[in-house]
Amino acid sequence: MAADITIRPAIRGDLAAITEIYNYFIRNTPITFDVEPYTVETRTPWFDGFAGGGRYRLFVAEQAGVVVAYAGSMPFHHKRAYETSVETTIYCASGMEGRGVGTRLYEALFDAIGGQDIHRAMAGITLPNAASVALHRRFGFTQVALFTENGRKFGRYWDVAWFEKPFGGTS
């Protein structure tokens, strides 16, 4: 585990680094089904979705003043009946994998949203992605669905496994 990593809530000044991390995955991997890189301006509405706190939070991992990873919880769907379900997201900059950064981010995220009215946390994982599957299982997520060939990127179709974690919401 990287002892020199600081985990903290994201601030607007982190958005350029967060966007850069995410754009790497857009350009180079099937992990996200976005196909066009974002600018800071086009990523701002997504970032603003975390402004209210509560069940929707965004954390960053910082090393030597540089954001190297992020994790967040956001609406699973925007229909009101889904409000007690959140979708989680987590991305580490290339080269930061396997250092315990994702574990520390998820610990901070789940601690921060632990008192919220959340019944389920959901995560969609493009397969294959053994590291993400292992991380989610470590935090109590179980696979509940497999959507086969439901996204096309880089000239082929990819499967997505959906995982959920009971969260103990208050209602």
N, C-alpha and C. Protein backbone atom coordinates (compact mmCIF):
# COMPACT_ATOMS: atom_id res chain seq x y z
N MET A 1 0.85 -1.18 0.00
CA MET A 1 0.00 0.00 0.00
C MET A 1 0.89 1.24 0.00
N ALA A 2 0.50 2.22 -0.75
CA ALA A 2 1.29 3.44 -0.86
C ALA A 2 1.02 4.33 0.35
N ALA A 3 1.99 4.42 1.25
CA ALA A 3 1.83 5.22 2.45
C ALA A 3 1.83 6.71 2.14
N ASP A 4 2.37 7.08 1.01
CA ASP A 4 2.47 8.50 0.66
C ASP A 4 1.25 9.00 -0.10
N ILE A 5 0.18 8.25 -0.06
CA ILE A 5 -1.07 8.62 -0.73
C ILE A 5 -2.01 9.27 0.28
N THR A 6 -2.60 10.39 -0.11
CA THR A 6 -3.60 11.06 0.70
C THR A 6 -4.96 10.89 0.02
N ILE A 7 -5.96 10.51 0.80
CA ILE A 7 -7.33 10.38 0.30
C ILE A 7 -8.12 11.56 0.86
N ARG A 8 -8.85 12.25 -0.02
CA ARG A 8 -9.63 13.41 0.43
C ARG A 8 -10.81 13.63 -0.52
N PRO A 9 -11.80 14.41 -0.06
CA PRO A 9 -12.89 14.76 -0.97
C PRO A 9 -12.36 15.55 -2.16
N ALA A 10 -12.94 15.32 -3.32
CA ALA A 10 -12.52 16.03 -4.54
C ALA A 10 -12.97 17.48 -4.46
N ILE A 11 -12.17 18.35 -5.06
CA ILE A 11 -12.51 19.77 -5.20
C ILE A 11 -12.46 20.11 -6.69
N ARG A 12 -13.07 21.23 -7.04
CA ARG A 12 -13.13 21.63 -8.45
C ARG A 12 -11.75 21.67 -9.10
N GLY A 13 -10.75 22.05 -8.36
CA GLY A 13 -9.39 22.10 -8.90
C GLY A 13 -8.84 20.74 -9.30
N ASP A 14 -9.49 19.66 -8.89
CA ASP A 14 -9.07 18.30 -9.25
C ASP A 14 -9.64 17.85 -10.59
N LEU A 15 -10.59 18.61 -11.13
CA LEU A 15 -11.33 18.13 -12.29
C LEU A 15 -10.43 17.88 -13.50
N ALA A 16 -9.43 18.69 -13.73
CA ALA A 16 -8.54 18.45 -14.88
C ALA A 16 -7.83 17.10 -14.74
N ALA A 17 -7.32 16.79 -13.56
CA ALA A 17 -6.63 15.52 -13.35
C ALA A 17 -7.60 14.35 -13.43
N ILE A 18 -8.79 14.50 -12.87
CA ILE A 18 -9.80 13.45 -12.95
C ILE A 18 -10.16 13.18 -14.41
N THR A 19 -10.33 14.24 -15.17
CA THR A 19 -10.67 14.11 -16.59
C THR A 19 -9.54 13.42 -17.35
N GLU A 20 -8.32 13.77 -17.04
CA GLU A 20 -7.17 13.14 -17.70
C GLU A 20 -7.11 11.64 -17.40
N ILE A 21 -7.33 11.28 -16.14
CA ILE A 21 -7.34 9.85 -15.77
C ILE A 21 -8.42 9.12 -16.56
N TYR A 22 -9.62 9.67 -16.57
CA TYR A 22 -10.73 9.02 -17.27
C TYR A 22 -10.49 8.94 -18.77
N ASN A 23 -9.95 10.00 -19.35
CA ASN A 23 -9.68 10.00 -20.79
C ASN A 23 -8.69 8.92 -21.19
N TYR A 24 -7.75 8.59 -20.33
CA TYR A 24 -6.83 7.49 -20.63
C TYR A 24 -7.64 6.21 -20.90
N PHE A 25 -8.63 5.94 -20.05
CA PHE A 25 -9.43 4.72 -20.20
C PHE A 25 -10.35 4.79 -21.41
N ILE A 26 -10.82 5.99 -21.75
CA ILE A 26 -11.62 6.14 -22.97
C ILE A 26 -10.77 5.79 -24.19
N ARG A 27 -9.57 6.32 -24.25
CA ARG A 27 -8.71 6.15 -25.43
C ARG A 27 -8.09 4.76 -25.55
N ASN A 28 -7.82 4.12 -24.43
CA ASN A 28 -6.96 2.93 -24.44
C ASN A 28 -7.58 1.63 -23.97
N THR A 29 -8.78 1.67 -23.41
CA THR A 29 -9.35 0.45 -22.84
C THR A 29 -10.85 0.36 -23.12
N PRO A 30 -11.41 -0.81 -22.97
CA PRO A 30 -12.87 -0.95 -23.05
C PRO A 30 -13.56 -0.76 -21.70
N ILE A 31 -12.81 -0.40 -20.67
CA ILE A 31 -13.36 -0.32 -19.32
C ILE A 31 -14.53 0.64 -19.24
N THR A 32 -14.47 1.73 -19.99
CA THR A 32 -15.62 2.62 -20.12
C THR A 32 -16.12 2.54 -21.55
N PHE A 33 -17.40 2.66 -21.72
CA PHE A 33 -17.96 2.64 -23.07
C PHE A 33 -18.04 4.03 -23.68
N ASP A 34 -17.58 5.05 -22.96
CA ASP A 34 -17.41 6.34 -23.62
C ASP A 34 -16.36 6.15 -24.70
N VAL A 35 -16.53 6.83 -25.82
CA VAL A 35 -15.58 6.69 -26.93
C VAL A 35 -14.92 8.01 -27.30
N GLU A 36 -15.46 9.13 -26.86
CA GLU A 36 -14.89 10.44 -27.13
C GLU A 36 -14.35 11.02 -25.83
N PRO A 37 -13.10 11.44 -25.81
CA PRO A 37 -12.53 12.05 -24.60
C PRO A 37 -13.30 13.31 -24.20
N TYR A 38 -13.26 13.61 -22.92
CA TYR A 38 -13.90 14.79 -22.36
C TYR A 38 -12.91 15.94 -22.28
N THR A 39 -13.45 17.14 -22.21
CA THR A 39 -12.70 18.31 -21.79
C THR A 39 -13.14 18.60 -20.36
N VAL A 40 -12.43 19.45 -19.69
CA VAL A 40 -12.86 19.84 -18.35
C VAL A 40 -14.28 20.43 -18.41
N GLU A 41 -14.54 21.22 -19.44
CA GLU A 41 -15.85 21.85 -19.56
C GLU A 41 -16.96 20.82 -19.76
N THR A 42 -16.72 19.82 -20.59
CA THR A 42 -17.78 18.83 -20.83
C THR A 42 -17.93 17.86 -19.66
N ARG A 43 -16.91 17.75 -18.82
CA ARG A 43 -16.97 16.87 -17.64
C ARG A 43 -17.55 17.59 -16.42
N THR A 44 -17.67 18.91 -16.49
CA THR A 44 -18.15 19.69 -15.34
C THR A 44 -19.55 19.31 -14.87
N PRO A 45 -20.53 19.07 -15.74
CA PRO A 45 -21.85 18.67 -15.22
C PRO A 45 -21.80 17.39 -14.40
N TRP A 46 -20.99 16.42 -14.83
CA TRP A 46 -20.82 15.18 -14.05
C TRP A 46 -20.25 15.53 -12.68
N PHE A 47 -19.20 16.33 -12.65
CA PHE A 47 -18.56 16.72 -11.39
C PHE A 47 -19.56 17.44 -10.48
N ASP A 48 -20.36 18.31 -11.04
CA ASP A 48 -21.32 19.08 -10.26
C ASP A 48 -22.36 18.20 -9.58
N GLY A 49 -22.57 16.99 -10.09
CA GLY A 49 -23.51 16.05 -9.48
C GLY A 49 -23.10 15.61 -8.08
N PHE A 50 -21.86 15.87 -7.70
CA PHE A 50 -21.37 15.49 -6.37
C PHE A 50 -21.43 16.65 -5.38
N ALA A 51 -21.84 17.83 -5.83
CA ALA A 51 -21.77 19.03 -5.02
C ALA A 51 -22.62 18.98 -3.75
N GLY A 52 -23.72 18.26 -3.79
CA GLY A 52 -24.62 18.24 -2.64
C GLY A 52 -24.18 17.33 -1.52
N GLY A 53 -23.15 16.52 -1.74
CA GLY A 53 -22.74 15.58 -0.70
C GLY A 53 -23.77 14.49 -0.54
N GLY A 54 -24.08 14.15 0.69
CA GLY A 54 -25.06 13.09 0.95
C GLY A 54 -24.62 11.77 0.37
N ARG A 55 -25.50 11.14 -0.39
CA ARG A 55 -25.18 9.81 -0.93
C ARG A 55 -24.30 9.88 -2.18
N TYR A 56 -24.13 11.08 -2.75
CA TYR A 56 -23.31 11.22 -3.96
C TYR A 56 -22.03 11.95 -3.60
N ARG A 57 -20.94 11.20 -3.55
CA ARG A 57 -19.66 11.75 -3.08
C ARG A 57 -18.56 11.38 -4.07
N LEU A 58 -17.51 12.17 -4.07
CA LEU A 58 -16.35 11.94 -4.94
C LEU A 58 -15.09 12.18 -4.13
N PHE A 59 -14.21 11.19 -4.15
CA PHE A 59 -12.93 11.27 -3.44
C PHE A 59 -11.79 11.11 -4.43
N VAL A 60 -10.65 11.70 -4.10
CA VAL A 60 -9.44 11.53 -4.90
C VAL A 60 -8.33 10.97 -4.02
N ALA A 61 -7.41 10.31 -4.69
CA ALA A 61 -6.15 9.89 -4.07
C ALA A 61 -5.09 10.80 -4.66
N GLU A 62 -4.28 11.36 -3.79
CA GLU A 62 -3.26 12.31 -4.21
C GLU A 62 -1.89 11.82 -3.74
N GLN A 63 -0.91 11.92 -4.63
CA GLN A 63 0.46 11.55 -4.30
C GLN A 63 1.35 12.72 -4.72
N ALA A 64 2.10 13.25 -3.78
CA ALA A 64 3.00 14.38 -4.04
C ALA A 64 2.28 15.53 -4.74
N GLY A 65 1.05 15.78 -4.32
CA GLY A 65 0.28 16.89 -4.88
C GLY A 65 -0.40 16.62 -6.21
N VAL A 66 -0.32 15.37 -6.69
CA VAL A 66 -0.91 15.00 -7.98
C VAL A 66 -2.04 14.00 -7.75
N VAL A 67 -3.21 14.27 -8.33
CA VAL A 67 -4.32 13.33 -8.23
C VAL A 67 -4.00 12.11 -9.10
N VAL A 68 -4.03 10.93 -8.47
CA VAL A 68 -3.66 9.69 -9.17
C VAL A 68 -4.80 8.68 -9.27
N ALA A 69 -5.94 9.00 -8.64
CA ALA A 69 -7.09 8.09 -8.70
C ALA A 69 -8.29 8.81 -8.13
N TYR A 70 -9.47 8.27 -8.45
CA TYR A 70 -10.69 8.82 -7.86
C TYR A 70 -11.74 7.72 -7.75
N ALA A 71 -12.69 7.96 -6.84
CA ALA A 71 -13.82 7.05 -6.66
C ALA A 71 -15.02 7.87 -6.23
N GLY A 72 -16.19 7.44 -6.68
CA GLY A 72 -17.39 8.17 -6.32
C GLY A 72 -18.62 7.30 -6.31
N SER A 73 -19.67 7.88 -5.78
CA SER A 73 -21.00 7.26 -5.80
C SER A 73 -21.94 8.28 -6.42
N MET A 74 -22.76 7.81 -7.33
CA MET A 74 -23.66 8.69 -8.07
C MET A 74 -24.99 7.99 -8.27
N PRO A 75 -25.97 8.71 -8.80
CA PRO A 75 -27.27 8.06 -9.00
C PRO A 75 -27.13 6.82 -9.90
N PHE A 76 -27.81 5.75 -9.51
CA PHE A 76 -27.83 4.54 -10.34
C PHE A 76 -28.68 4.80 -11.57
N HIS A 77 -29.83 5.37 -11.39
CA HIS A 77 -30.70 5.86 -12.45
C HIS A 77 -31.35 7.12 -11.91
N HIS A 78 -31.88 7.94 -12.79
CA HIS A 78 -32.43 9.21 -12.34
C HIS A 78 -33.91 9.17 -12.01
N LYS A 79 -34.53 8.01 -12.08
CA LYS A 79 -35.93 7.90 -11.68
C LYS A 79 -36.00 7.83 -10.15
N ARG A 80 -36.96 8.47 -9.57
CA ARG A 80 -37.04 8.67 -8.12
C ARG A 80 -37.01 7.36 -7.33
N ALA A 81 -37.63 6.31 -7.81
CA ALA A 81 -37.67 5.06 -7.05
C ALA A 81 -36.29 4.43 -6.88
N TYR A 82 -35.33 4.86 -7.69
CA TYR A 82 -33.96 4.34 -7.58
C TYR A 82 -33.11 5.14 -6.58
N GLU A 83 -33.67 6.14 -5.91
CA GLU A 83 -32.84 7.05 -5.13
C GLU A 83 -32.05 6.37 -4.00
N THR A 84 -32.46 5.19 -3.55
CA THR A 84 -31.70 4.52 -2.50
C THR A 84 -30.68 3.54 -3.06
N SER A 85 -30.47 3.58 -4.37
CA SER A 85 -29.41 2.80 -5.00
C SER A 85 -28.40 3.78 -5.58
N VAL A 86 -27.12 3.50 -5.38
CA VAL A 86 -26.07 4.32 -5.97
C VAL A 86 -25.21 3.45 -6.86
N GLU A 87 -24.63 4.07 -7.86
CA GLU A 87 -23.63 3.39 -8.69
C GLU A 87 -22.27 3.92 -8.27
N THR A 88 -21.32 3.02 -8.13
CA THR A 88 -19.97 3.44 -7.77
C THR A 88 -19.08 3.45 -9.00
N THR A 89 -18.07 4.28 -8.94
CA THR A 89 -17.08 4.38 -10.01
C THR A 89 -15.71 4.53 -9.37
N ILE A 90 -14.71 3.94 -9.98
CA ILE A 90 -13.36 4.05 -9.45
C ILE A 90 -12.36 3.90 -10.59
N TYR A 91 -11.41 4.81 -10.66
CA TYR A 91 -10.38 4.79 -11.70
C TYR A 91 -9.04 5.19 -11.10
N CYS A 92 -8.01 4.42 -11.39
CA CYS A 92 -6.65 4.74 -10.99
C CYS A 92 -5.84 5.09 -12.23
N ALA A 93 -4.99 6.09 -12.12
CA ALA A 93 -4.12 6.45 -13.24
C ALA A 93 -3.28 5.24 -13.63
N SER A 94 -2.97 5.15 -14.90
CA SER A 94 -2.15 4.05 -15.39
C SER A 94 -0.84 4.02 -14.59
N GLY A 95 -0.50 2.82 -14.11
CA GLY A 95 0.70 2.65 -13.31
C GLY A 95 0.45 2.68 -11.81
N MET A 96 -0.75 3.05 -11.40
CA MET A 96 -1.07 3.11 -9.96
C MET A 96 -1.81 1.86 -9.49
N GLU A 97 -2.08 0.93 -10.40
CA GLU A 97 -2.82 -0.27 -10.04
C GLU A 97 -1.99 -1.14 -9.10
N GLY A 98 -2.69 -1.88 -8.25
CA GLY A 98 -2.03 -2.86 -7.40
C GLY A 98 -1.27 -2.28 -6.22
N ARG A 99 -1.50 -1.04 -5.88
CA ARG A 99 -0.80 -0.39 -4.77
C ARG A 99 -1.69 -0.14 -3.56
N GLY A 100 -2.94 -0.61 -3.62
CA GLY A 100 -3.86 -0.41 -2.52
C GLY A 100 -4.61 0.91 -2.56
N VAL A 101 -4.41 1.67 -3.62
CA VAL A 101 -5.07 2.98 -3.73
C VAL A 101 -6.58 2.80 -3.86
N GLY A 102 -7.03 1.87 -4.69
CA GLY A 102 -8.46 1.63 -4.85
C GLY A 102 -9.11 1.21 -3.54
N THR A 103 -8.43 0.37 -2.79
CA THR A 103 -8.95 -0.06 -1.49
C THR A 103 -9.13 1.14 -0.57
N ARG A 104 -8.13 1.99 -0.50
CA ARG A 104 -8.22 3.17 0.37
C ARG A 104 -9.31 4.13 -0.09
N LEU A 105 -9.46 4.29 -1.40
CA LEU A 105 -10.53 5.15 -1.90
C LEU A 105 -11.90 4.61 -1.54
N TYR A 106 -12.11 3.32 -1.77
CA TYR A 106 -13.41 2.74 -1.45
C TYR A 106 -13.68 2.78 0.06
N GLU A 107 -12.66 2.57 0.88
CA GLU A 107 -12.85 2.69 2.33
C GLU A 107 -13.36 4.08 2.69
N ALA A 108 -12.73 5.11 2.13
CA ALA A 108 -13.15 6.49 2.41
C ALA A 108 -14.55 6.75 1.88
N LEU A 109 -14.82 6.31 0.67
CA LEU A 109 -16.13 6.53 0.07
C LEU A 109 -17.23 5.85 0.89
N PHE A 110 -17.06 4.59 1.20
CA PHE A 110 -18.10 3.86 1.90
C PHE A 110 -18.27 4.36 3.34
N ASP A 111 -17.19 4.82 3.95
CA ASP A 111 -17.29 5.43 5.26
C ASP A 111 -18.11 6.72 5.18
N ALA A 112 -17.86 7.52 4.16
CA ALA A 112 -18.54 8.81 4.01
C ALA A 112 -20.03 8.67 3.72
N ILE A 113 -20.41 7.65 2.99
CA ILE A 113 -21.84 7.50 2.64
C ILE A 113 -22.54 6.49 3.54
N GLY A 114 -21.83 5.98 4.52
CA GLY A 114 -22.37 4.92 5.38
C GLY A 114 -23.65 5.29 6.12
N GLY A 115 -23.82 6.54 6.50
CA GLY A 115 -25.01 6.93 7.23
C GLY A 115 -26.16 7.40 6.36
N GLN A 116 -25.98 7.32 5.06
CA GLN A 116 -27.02 7.79 4.14
C GLN A 116 -28.08 6.71 3.91
N ASP A 117 -29.22 7.14 3.40
CA ASP A 117 -30.31 6.21 3.09
C ASP A 117 -30.00 5.53 1.76
N ILE A 118 -29.11 4.55 1.82
CA ILE A 118 -28.71 3.78 0.65
C ILE A 118 -29.01 2.32 0.92
N HIS A 119 -29.72 1.70 0.01
CA HIS A 119 -30.06 0.29 0.16
C HIS A 119 -29.10 -0.62 -0.62
N ARG A 120 -28.66 -0.17 -1.80
CA ARG A 120 -27.76 -0.96 -2.64
C ARG A 120 -26.74 -0.04 -3.30
N ALA A 121 -25.52 -0.55 -3.37
CA ALA A 121 -24.48 0.07 -4.20
C ALA A 121 -24.27 -0.86 -5.39
N MET A 122 -24.21 -0.29 -6.57
CA MET A 122 -24.09 -1.07 -7.81
C MET A 122 -22.78 -0.71 -8.50
N ALA A 123 -22.24 -1.67 -9.26
CA ALA A 123 -21.04 -1.41 -10.05
C ALA A 123 -21.10 -2.24 -11.32
N GLY A 124 -20.92 -1.59 -12.46
CA GLY A 124 -20.84 -2.29 -13.73
C GLY A 124 -19.37 -2.42 -14.12
N ILE A 125 -18.94 -3.63 -14.46
CA ILE A 125 -17.53 -3.88 -14.78
C ILE A 125 -17.43 -4.54 -16.14
N THR A 126 -16.76 -3.86 -17.07
CA THR A 126 -16.50 -4.45 -18.38
C THR A 126 -15.51 -5.58 -18.20
N LEU A 127 -15.80 -6.72 -18.81
CA LEU A 127 -14.94 -7.90 -18.67
C LEU A 127 -14.09 -8.11 -19.91
N PRO A 128 -12.88 -8.60 -19.72
CA PRO A 128 -12.27 -9.02 -18.46
C PRO A 128 -11.67 -7.84 -17.71
N ASN A 129 -11.72 -7.90 -16.40
CA ASN A 129 -11.10 -6.90 -15.53
C ASN A 129 -10.96 -7.52 -14.15
N ALA A 130 -10.01 -8.43 -14.02
CA ALA A 130 -9.82 -9.19 -12.77
C ALA A 130 -9.57 -8.29 -11.57
N ALA A 131 -8.82 -7.22 -11.76
CA ALA A 131 -8.50 -6.34 -10.63
C ALA A 131 -9.76 -5.67 -10.09
N SER A 132 -10.62 -5.17 -10.97
CA SER A 132 -11.84 -4.52 -10.52
C SER A 132 -12.80 -5.52 -9.88
N VAL A 133 -12.92 -6.70 -10.47
CA VAL A 133 -13.77 -7.74 -9.88
C VAL A 133 -13.28 -8.07 -8.48
N ALA A 134 -11.98 -8.24 -8.30
CA ALA A 134 -11.42 -8.57 -6.99
C ALA A 134 -11.65 -7.44 -5.98
N LEU A 135 -11.47 -6.21 -6.41
CA LEU A 135 -11.70 -5.08 -5.51
C LEU A 135 -13.15 -5.05 -5.04
N HIS A 136 -14.07 -5.19 -5.97
CA HIS A 136 -15.48 -5.14 -5.59
C HIS A 136 -15.87 -6.31 -4.70
N ARG A 137 -15.37 -7.49 -4.98
CA ARG A 137 -15.66 -8.64 -4.11
C ARG A 137 -15.10 -8.40 -2.70
N ARG A 138 -13.93 -7.79 -2.61
CA ARG A 138 -13.31 -7.48 -1.32
C ARG A 138 -14.23 -6.59 -0.48
N PHE A 139 -15.01 -5.76 -1.12
CA PHE A 139 -15.91 -4.85 -0.41
C PHE A 139 -17.34 -5.38 -0.31
N GLY A 140 -17.53 -6.67 -0.56
CA GLY A 140 -18.83 -7.28 -0.34
C GLY A 140 -19.80 -7.23 -1.51
N PHE A 141 -19.31 -6.83 -2.68
CA PHE A 141 -20.16 -6.85 -3.87
C PHE A 141 -20.24 -8.28 -4.39
N THR A 142 -21.41 -8.66 -4.88
CA THR A 142 -21.56 -9.95 -5.54
C THR A 142 -22.12 -9.71 -6.94
N GLN A 143 -21.74 -10.58 -7.86
CA GLN A 143 -22.24 -10.44 -9.22
C GLN A 143 -23.69 -10.87 -9.27
N VAL A 144 -24.52 -10.02 -9.88
CA VAL A 144 -25.95 -10.31 -9.97
C VAL A 144 -26.44 -10.40 -11.40
N ALA A 145 -25.60 -9.97 -12.36
CA ALA A 145 -26.02 -10.02 -13.76
C ALA A 145 -24.80 -10.02 -14.67
N LEU A 146 -24.99 -10.58 -15.85
CA LEU A 146 -23.98 -10.52 -16.89
C LEU A 146 -24.69 -10.15 -18.18
N PHE A 147 -24.35 -8.99 -18.70
CA PHE A 147 -24.90 -8.56 -19.98
C PHE A 147 -23.83 -8.89 -21.03
N THR A 148 -24.17 -9.77 -21.96
CA THR A 148 -23.19 -10.21 -22.94
C THR A 148 -23.19 -9.31 -24.17
N GLU A 149 -22.01 -9.02 -24.61
CA GLU A 149 -21.80 -8.25 -25.84
C GLU A 149 -22.72 -7.03 -25.93
N ASN A 150 -22.80 -6.27 -24.86
CA ASN A 150 -23.72 -5.13 -24.89
C ASN A 150 -23.03 -3.79 -25.14
N GLY A 151 -21.74 -3.80 -25.41
CA GLY A 151 -21.06 -2.57 -25.80
C GLY A 151 -20.01 -2.88 -26.84
N ARG A 152 -19.93 -2.03 -27.87
CA ARG A 152 -18.93 -2.25 -28.92
C ARG A 152 -17.91 -1.12 -28.86
N LYS A 153 -16.66 -1.52 -28.76
CA LYS A 153 -15.55 -0.57 -28.72
C LYS A 153 -14.32 -1.27 -29.26
N PHE A 154 -13.50 -0.54 -29.97
CA PHE A 154 -12.28 -1.08 -30.56
C PHE A 154 -12.57 -2.27 -31.48
N GLY A 155 -13.70 -2.21 -32.16
CA GLY A 155 -14.03 -3.21 -33.16
C GLY A 155 -14.50 -4.54 -32.64
N ARG A 156 -14.87 -4.61 -31.36
CA ARG A 156 -15.40 -5.86 -30.83
C ARG A 156 -16.43 -5.57 -29.75
N TYR A 157 -17.18 -6.60 -29.39
CA TYR A 157 -18.20 -6.48 -28.36
C TYR A 157 -17.63 -6.93 -27.01
N TRP A 158 -18.12 -6.29 -25.96
CA TRP A 158 -17.65 -6.55 -24.61
C TRP A 158 -18.82 -6.90 -23.70
N ASP A 159 -18.56 -7.78 -22.76
CA ASP A 159 -19.54 -8.14 -21.73
C ASP A 159 -19.39 -7.20 -20.54
N VAL A 160 -20.49 -7.00 -19.83
CA VAL A 160 -20.46 -6.21 -18.61
C VAL A 160 -21.12 -7.02 -17.50
N ALA A 161 -20.38 -7.20 -16.42
CA ALA A 161 -20.92 -7.85 -15.22
C ALA A 161 -21.41 -6.76 -14.28
N TRP A 162 -22.59 -6.96 -13.72
CA TRP A 162 -23.12 -6.02 -12.74
C TRP A 162 -23.03 -6.65 -11.36
N PHE A 163 -22.50 -5.86 -10.45
CA PHE A 163 -22.31 -6.28 -9.07
C PHE A 163 -23.14 -5.37 -8.17
N GLU A 164 -23.58 -5.93 -7.03
CA GLU A 164 -24.28 -5.10 -6.05
C GLU A 164 -23.81 -5.44 -4.66
N LYS A 165 -23.97 -4.46 -3.79
CA LYS A 165 -23.58 -4.60 -2.39
C LYS A 165 -24.74 -4.11 -1.54
N PRO A 166 -25.26 -4.96 -0.65
CA PRO A 166 -26.27 -4.48 0.29
C PRO A 166 -25.65 -3.38 1.14
N PHE A 167 -26.43 -2.34 1.40
CA PHE A 167 -25.84 -1.20 2.06
C PHE A 167 -26.51 -0.81 3.37
N GLY A 168 -27.65 -1.39 3.69
CA GLY A 168 -28.27 -1.11 4.97
C GLY A 168 -28.87 0.28 5.10
N GLY A 169 -29.60 0.69 4.08
CA GLY A 169 -30.26 2.00 4.12
C GLY A 169 -31.23 2.10 5.28
N THR A 170 -31.62 3.32 5.60
CA THR A 170 -32.44 3.55 6.79
C THR A 170 -33.92 3.33 6.56
N SER A 171 -34.35 3.13 5.32
CA SER A 171 -35.79 2.90 5.07
C SER A 171 -36.02 1.55 4.46
